[in-house]
Amino acid sequence: MIFNYFKTGLRNLNKRKGYTLLNILGLTVGMTCCLLIFHYVSYERSYDSELSNSNDIYRVRLDYYQQGKLAWKSATSYPGIPPAMKREFPEVENYCRLIDAEMLLANEGANVKFKEDKGYFAEQSFVKMFDMELISGTASHALTGPDKMIISEKMAKKYFGTDQVLGKTLTVKDESNPQVYEITGVFKEYPKNSHLAIEYLASYDTFKKLLRQDGDTTNAAETSFGW
């Protein structure tokens, strides 16, 4: 019985070739679009899923109101907010502050120099909070103290030709304020479906040191609510 239905169907399809071709083409296009949309949505929903505690991590943003109306909003906030939240809200287990750190970096010995913009000044807590996997260096204090930096495998090979770079240095090419960073760790890059497009992290203590060199006497990197 089923075989007869199959033969009848083929016969009808063969009689109306144009209509058959149109149906098959439409079905193919429809299925292809559905699969592409499914793949896109699945990929977007997978962002940062590799983080073990992704559901518990929140970015604090800044909304500014005037006369009860939202005047402007920012993805950034003030450095005094995290420690204040940690004191006032028992739900806050930990925090990490990131400050953009665009640099012109150089390996002086090899005469290699690049402008880098995928990095931040970051607190030590970043390593654990964001499941950063170090292939060399000590995760518990790689970003503790000034003049420390951890870099990606890709960046290590770009500047030194190898990922065995612990203890080596990179220099910030700034005539007014040159900085030398000791490399204290090398990490595996995050996957493409991650918001963490990071090639290097410099210690937050370095950022505080730079502010003091510029005349800061208020410990603004810890207490400021006015940047």
Foldseek 3Di string as FASTA:
>chain_A
DVVVVVVVVVVVCVVCVVVNVVVVVVVVVVVVVVVVVVVVVVLLVCALVVFPPVVLDDQDWDFDDDPRHTPDIGSDFFLQPQVVCVVPPVSDPDDKDWAWDWFFKAQVVVRDTDTDGQETAMALVCCNNSVWAWPAADSNDQQPDAQGKEFEQVVCCRHPVGSPQAQGWMWGPDPVDIGIHGYRTYTHADDPSYPNRHGMYHHVNNVLVVVVVVPDPPSRSHRDRDD
